[in-house]
Amino acid sequence: MIEIFHVSDLHFGKSDSQNRKANSLLEGIRRHFPFNEHYNRYLLVTGDVTQSGEEDEYELAIQALSPFADRIFVTPGNHDYGSLLGTDYSKRKAQYFDDPFAKALGFTHPFFDKKVFTRPLQDQSDHNALMMIGLNSCAKEGVFDLAQGEVGESQRNELANKLTQCDTQTPRLLFLHHIPNKDAEWELVMTLRDWEELMAVVRGKIDVLAFGHQGKVMGVGLRKKFIPAQTRPMQVRSIAINSIRDSKSYSKRALVLDADGSVAEQAFYRITLDGNKPTASVVSVVPAG
């Protein structure tokens, strides 16, 4: 069996309290599911690993994530690429995410160049397989990007090509940081700019969609200040992604896992692949009662 544990928005460096909560979540995962006893367990972190992409924040993240080294998947968030509440892109910080941060954890991929990440996972004992696909949804703009990400045409085209090359029988998990639908509380700020174009590429071709992206946004009218964006309670959702192949219509549902509240809720998504069909559940690291 293949297991993926999905968390997001750790925001190391935001405060001592945030650091403790993020560490508590990661320690809870290892307590519930020891990694040293199971080689088909992986951690997925969908961006905003740090608060503002500073080197000391990345060092905190490396220290906390090192027990998952070589079995971790990461993708950058807007806070990893900039300051000012994640709205000011920095080339230096963006490069730092790839190397030395991700590289120190055994994850090597040029996200800075906005290249699509792919890696097949295989459980030799029961022949389960899963294709991991990662996108960089961070916009390379300055302070006026408002933390609203964009996958971009080049990355979408590369993704389309990779999807056509994948074994159609192998389930696919697509992960990115920004919210790839209109469910965001603050749609004009928090939703991925090109979410419709992205969904057109993946329609009928993915089984799990994982992301995060909590944050703060500028209010309007009398509320002209930064206020918290709503964090949606963690629960397993699904969406219908219909497609047409060979002049025939196919209906398929994909699991939608929004992990933006994982630290606050001290919970994570456990994605399991047993019998080549992904399932997911929310697991709390806080003891009941």
Protein backbone atom coordinates (compact mmCIF):
# COMPACT_ATOMS: atom_id res chain seq x y z
CA MET A 1 0.00 0.00 0.00
CA ILE A 2 1.17 3.54 -0.84
CA GLU A 3 0.43 6.28 1.71
CA ILE A 4 0.73 10.05 1.20
CA PHE A 5 0.34 12.43 4.16
CA HIS A 6 -0.74 15.88 2.97
CA VAL A 7 -0.20 19.10 4.95
CA SER A 8 0.20 22.71 3.90
CA ASP A 9 0.94 26.27 5.03
CA LEU A 10 3.40 25.47 7.81
CA HIS A 11 4.58 29.12 7.83
CA PHE A 12 7.80 28.53 9.76
CA GLY A 13 9.11 31.84 11.10
CA LYS A 14 5.73 33.51 11.52
CA SER A 15 5.88 33.26 15.33
CA ASP A 16 7.12 30.98 18.10
CA SER A 17 3.57 29.72 18.48
CA GLN A 18 3.31 28.87 14.77
CA ASN A 19 6.66 27.06 14.87
CA ARG A 20 5.47 24.95 17.81
CA LYS A 21 2.19 24.09 16.11
CA ALA A 22 3.88 23.18 12.82
CA ASN A 23 6.41 20.99 14.64
CA SER A 24 3.62 19.38 16.67
CA LEU A 25 1.76 18.46 13.48
CA LEU A 26 4.82 16.90 11.86
CA GLU A 27 5.74 15.03 15.03
CA GLY A 28 2.15 13.79 15.24
CA ILE A 29 2.39 12.30 11.75
CA ARG A 30 5.53 10.39 12.68
CA ARG A 31 3.91 9.24 15.93
CA HIS A 32 0.85 7.87 14.16
CA PHE A 33 2.70 6.51 11.12
CA PRO A 34 6.44 5.89 11.72
CA PHE A 35 8.36 6.45 8.51
CA ASN A 36 11.34 4.32 9.44
CA GLU A 37 9.13 1.22 9.41
CA HIS A 38 7.39 1.73 6.09
CA TYR A 39 9.12 2.58 2.81
CA ASN A 40 5.93 3.45 0.93
CA ARG A 41 5.01 6.42 3.14
CA TYR A 42 5.55 9.96 1.86
CA LEU A 43 4.94 13.50 3.12
CA LEU A 44 3.39 16.10 0.80
CA VAL A 45 3.69 19.82 1.69
CA THR A 46 1.81 22.11 -0.68
CA GLY A 47 3.60 25.41 -0.17
CA ASP A 48 4.00 28.29 2.26
CA VAL A 49 6.61 26.31 4.14
CA THR A 50 7.94 29.63 5.46
CA GLN A 51 6.40 32.97 6.37
CA SER A 52 8.55 35.21 4.17
CA GLY A 53 11.21 33.05 2.50
CA GLU A 54 14.11 34.15 4.71
CA GLU A 55 17.07 31.82 5.16
CA ASP A 56 16.57 31.44 8.91
CA GLU A 57 12.95 30.42 8.30
CA TYR A 58 14.05 27.85 5.75
CA GLU A 59 16.54 26.50 8.29
CA LEU A 60 13.70 25.97 10.76
CA ALA A 61 11.77 24.15 8.05
CA ILE A 62 14.71 21.94 7.09
CA GLN A 63 15.22 20.94 10.71
CA ALA A 64 11.54 20.07 11.16
CA LEU A 65 11.21 18.23 7.85
CA SER A 66 14.54 16.37 7.92
CA PRO A 67 12.98 13.18 9.39
CA PHE A 68 11.02 12.91 6.12
CA ALA A 69 14.07 13.45 3.89
CA ASP A 70 14.09 11.46 0.64
CA ARG A 71 10.38 10.70 1.11
CA ILE A 72 8.97 14.19 0.81
CA PHE A 73 7.25 16.16 -1.95
CA VAL A 74 7.15 19.96 -1.76
CA THR A 75 6.01 22.83 -3.95
CA PRO A 76 6.54 26.57 -3.37
CA GLY A 77 3.91 28.94 -2.01
CA ASN A 78 3.68 32.69 -2.41
CA HIS A 79 5.10 33.25 1.10
CA ASP A 80 8.16 31.17 0.20
CA TYR A 81 8.79 33.48 -2.74
CA GLY A 82 8.30 36.85 -1.06
CA SER A 83 7.57 39.09 1.89
CA LEU A 84 4.74 41.50 2.69
CA LEU A 85 2.26 38.74 3.48
CA GLY A 86 3.35 36.78 0.44
CA THR A 87 2.70 39.47 -2.17
CA ASP A 88 6.22 40.59 -3.09
CA TYR A 89 8.08 38.15 -5.37
CA SER A 90 11.83 37.78 -4.74
CA LYS A 91 14.08 36.00 -7.23
CA ARG A 92 16.63 35.26 -4.49
CA LYS A 93 14.04 33.59 -2.27
CA ALA A 94 12.52 31.67 -5.17
CA GLN A 95 15.91 30.23 -6.07
CA TYR A 96 16.60 29.41 -2.42
CA PHE A 97 13.48 27.23 -2.28
CA ASP A 98 14.94 24.82 -4.86
CA ASP A 99 18.49 24.93 -3.54
CA PRO A 100 19.42 24.58 -0.74
CA PHE A 101 16.00 24.10 0.92
CA ALA A 102 14.35 21.34 -1.16
CA LYS A 103 17.71 19.85 -2.10
CA ALA A 104 18.61 19.44 1.57
CA LEU A 105 15.53 17.21 1.92
CA GLY A 106 16.46 15.06 -1.05
CA PHE A 107 13.90 16.71 -3.34
CA THR A 108 15.57 18.02 -6.50
CA HIS A 109 13.46 19.81 -9.09
CA PRO A 110 13.73 23.20 -10.91
CA PHE A 111 10.49 24.75 -9.69
CA PHE A 112 12.15 28.16 -10.16
CA ASP A 113 12.02 27.57 -13.92
CA LYS A 114 8.33 26.59 -13.60
CA LYS A 115 8.91 23.04 -14.77
CA VAL A 116 6.34 20.31 -14.10
CA PHE A 117 7.43 17.72 -11.55
CA THR A 118 6.55 14.05 -12.10
CA ARG A 119 7.53 10.94 -10.21
CA PRO A 120 5.96 7.47 -10.37
CA LEU A 121 5.58 5.60 -7.08
CA GLN A 122 5.41 1.82 -7.02
CA ASP A 123 4.63 -0.65 -4.25
CA GLN A 124 6.37 -3.81 -5.40
CA SER A 125 4.61 -5.97 -2.82
CA ASP A 126 1.10 -5.46 -4.19
CA HIS A 127 1.75 -3.77 -7.56
CA ASN A 128 0.02 -0.53 -6.59
CA ALA A 129 1.26 2.54 -8.48
CA LEU A 130 0.69 6.30 -8.25
CA MET A 131 1.94 9.18 -10.41
CA MET A 132 2.85 12.31 -8.42
CA ILE A 133 2.57 15.53 -10.44
CA GLY A 134 3.63 18.91 -9.02
CA LEU A 135 3.13 22.45 -10.33
CA ASN A 136 4.61 25.81 -9.41
CA SER A 137 1.62 28.13 -9.09
CA CYS A 138 3.54 31.19 -7.83
CA ALA A 139 3.32 34.30 -10.01
CA LYS A 140 6.70 35.89 -10.70
CA GLU A 141 5.57 39.46 -10.11
CA GLY A 142 6.15 42.16 -7.55
CA VAL A 143 4.05 43.48 -4.71
CA PHE A 144 1.00 43.94 -6.93
CA ASP A 145 0.49 40.23 -7.64
CA LEU A 146 -1.72 40.12 -4.50
CA ALA A 147 -0.62 36.52 -3.88
CA GLN A 148 -2.91 35.34 -6.67
CA GLY A 149 -0.95 32.60 -8.41
CA GLU A 150 -0.73 31.47 -12.00
CA VAL A 151 0.44 28.19 -13.53
CA GLY A 152 1.11 29.77 -16.92
CA GLU A 153 0.76 28.58 -20.51
CA SER A 154 4.19 26.95 -20.76
CA GLN A 155 3.65 24.82 -17.66
CA ARG A 156 0.11 23.93 -18.73
CA ASN A 157 1.40 22.75 -22.12
CA GLU A 158 4.12 20.67 -20.47
CA LEU A 159 1.53 19.20 -18.11
CA ALA A 160 -0.75 18.29 -21.03
CA ASN A 161 2.11 16.46 -22.74
CA LYS A 162 3.07 14.56 -19.60
CA LEU A 163 -0.52 13.50 -18.98
CA THR A 164 -0.75 12.00 -22.47
CA GLN A 165 2.42 10.00 -21.78
CA CYS A 166 1.20 8.56 -18.46
CA ASP A 167 -0.17 5.06 -18.20
CA THR A 168 -3.94 5.51 -18.24
CA GLN A 169 -4.33 2.78 -15.62
CA THR A 170 -2.10 4.55 -13.08
CA PRO A 171 -3.89 6.97 -10.70
CA ARG A 172 -2.55 10.54 -10.70
CA LEU A 173 -2.17 12.98 -7.83
CA LEU A 174 -1.75 16.63 -8.88
CA PHE A 175 -0.44 19.07 -6.28
CA LEU A 176 0.15 22.83 -6.21
CA HIS A 177 -0.16 25.67 -3.71
CA HIS A 178 -2.90 28.01 -4.93
CA ILE A 179 -6.63 27.31 -4.87
CA PRO A 180 -7.53 25.91 -8.32
CA ASN A 181 -11.26 26.64 -8.19
CA LYS A 182 -13.75 29.38 -7.25
CA ASP A 183 -14.35 28.08 -3.73
CA ALA A 184 -11.98 30.61 -2.18
CA GLU A 185 -13.60 33.03 0.27
CA TRP A 186 -11.81 35.90 -1.50
CA GLU A 187 -12.00 34.71 -5.08
CA LEU A 188 -10.38 37.72 -6.74
CA VAL A 189 -7.29 37.39 -4.55
CA MET A 190 -6.96 33.77 -3.42
CA THR A 191 -8.07 31.82 -6.51
CA LEU A 192 -5.52 30.77 -9.12
CA ARG A 193 -5.76 33.19 -12.05
CA ASP A 194 -5.77 30.53 -14.74
CA TRP A 195 -7.72 27.88 -12.84
CA GLU A 196 -10.20 27.37 -15.66
CA GLU A 197 -7.42 26.78 -18.21
CA LEU A 198 -5.72 24.37 -15.80
CA MET A 199 -8.92 22.43 -15.19
CA ALA A 200 -9.41 22.12 -18.95
CA VAL A 201 -6.01 20.41 -19.16
CA VAL A 202 -6.57 17.95 -16.30
CA ARG A 203 -10.26 17.25 -16.84
CA GLY A 204 -10.85 13.51 -16.69
CA LYS A 205 -7.14 12.84 -16.24
CA ILE A 206 -6.43 13.13 -12.50
CA ASP A 207 -7.65 11.28 -9.42
CA VAL A 208 -6.52 13.55 -6.57
CA LEU A 209 -6.13 17.35 -6.45
CA ALA A 210 -4.14 18.63 -3.45
CA PHE A 211 -3.44 22.27 -2.49
CA GLY A 212 -3.38 24.82 0.35
CA HIS A 213 -3.01 28.65 0.37
CA GLN A 214 -4.43 30.27 3.46
CA GLY A 215 -3.49 33.86 4.12
CA LYS A 216 -4.60 37.44 4.64
CA VAL A 217 -6.17 39.80 2.16
CA MET A 218 -6.91 43.51 1.92
CA GLY A 219 -10.42 44.45 2.97
CA VAL A 220 -12.63 46.93 1.10
CA GLY A 221 -14.68 49.95 2.04
CA LEU A 222 -14.51 50.61 5.76
CA ARG A 223 -12.44 47.45 6.24
CA LYS A 224 -9.25 48.72 4.59
CA LYS A 225 -6.83 46.56 6.47
CA PHE A 226 -5.38 43.09 6.16
CA ILE A 227 -7.81 40.58 7.57
CA PRO A 228 -7.62 36.76 7.77
CA ALA A 229 -8.96 34.87 4.79
CA GLN A 230 -11.31 32.09 5.76
CA THR A 231 -9.74 28.75 6.51
CA ARG A 232 -12.07 26.01 5.38
CA PRO A 233 -12.42 23.02 7.72
CA MET A 234 -10.49 20.03 6.47
CA GLN A 235 -12.72 17.44 4.87
CA VAL A 236 -12.46 15.17 1.86
CA ARG A 237 -14.34 16.64 -1.06
CA SER A 238 -14.71 15.48 -4.64
CA ILE A 239 -15.46 17.14 -7.96
CA ALA A 240 -16.82 15.81 -11.22
CA ILE A 241 -14.35 16.21 -14.07
CA ASN A 242 -16.08 15.11 -17.23
CA SER A 243 -14.20 14.57 -20.46
CA ILE A 244 -14.70 13.39 -24.02
CA ARG A 245 -12.44 10.73 -25.49
CA ASP A 246 -12.83 9.13 -28.88
CA SER A 247 -16.20 10.86 -29.31
CA LYS A 248 -17.46 9.25 -26.08
CA SER A 249 -18.33 11.09 -22.88
CA TYR A 250 -16.71 9.94 -19.63
CA SER A 251 -17.59 11.01 -16.12
CA LYS A 252 -14.92 10.83 -13.42
CA ARG A 253 -14.65 12.22 -9.93
CA ALA A 254 -11.43 13.42 -8.32
CA LEU A 255 -10.68 13.81 -4.61
CA VAL A 256 -10.15 17.47 -3.67
CA LEU A 257 -7.91 17.98 -0.63
CA ASP A 258 -7.55 21.53 0.68
CA ALA A 259 -4.97 21.36 3.48
CA ASP A 260 -4.73 25.08 4.28
CA GLY A 261 -5.99 24.46 7.81
CA SER A 262 -3.74 21.52 8.66
CA VAL A 263 -1.60 23.36 11.23
CA ALA A 264 -4.53 25.14 12.87
CA GLU A 265 -6.55 21.93 13.07
CA GLN A 266 -3.53 19.75 13.91
CA ALA A 267 -4.69 17.33 11.24
CA PHE A 268 -3.55 15.94 7.91
CA TYR A 269 -4.96 14.10 4.94
CA ARG A 270 -4.02 10.46 4.70
CA ILE A 271 -4.17 9.40 1.05
CA THR A 272 -3.95 5.67 0.54
CA LEU A 273 -3.64 3.61 -2.59
CA ASP A 274 -4.74 0.03 -2.19
CA GLY A 275 -6.03 -1.79 -5.23
CA ASN A 276 -5.06 1.12 -7.52
CA LYS A 277 -7.89 3.32 -6.26
CA PRO A 278 -6.98 6.37 -4.13
CA THR A 279 -8.96 7.05 -0.97
CA ALA A 280 -8.47 9.84 1.57
CA SER A 281 -9.37 10.64 5.16
CA VAL A 282 -8.64 13.38 7.70
CA VAL A 283 -6.48 12.24 10.63
CA SER A 284 -6.09 14.35 13.77
CA VAL A 285 -2.87 14.27 15.79
CA VAL A 286 -4.74 15.52 18.87
CA PRO A 287 -5.83 12.62 21.10
CA ALA A 288 -9.59 12.27 21.38
CA GLY A 289 -11.09 13.48 24.64
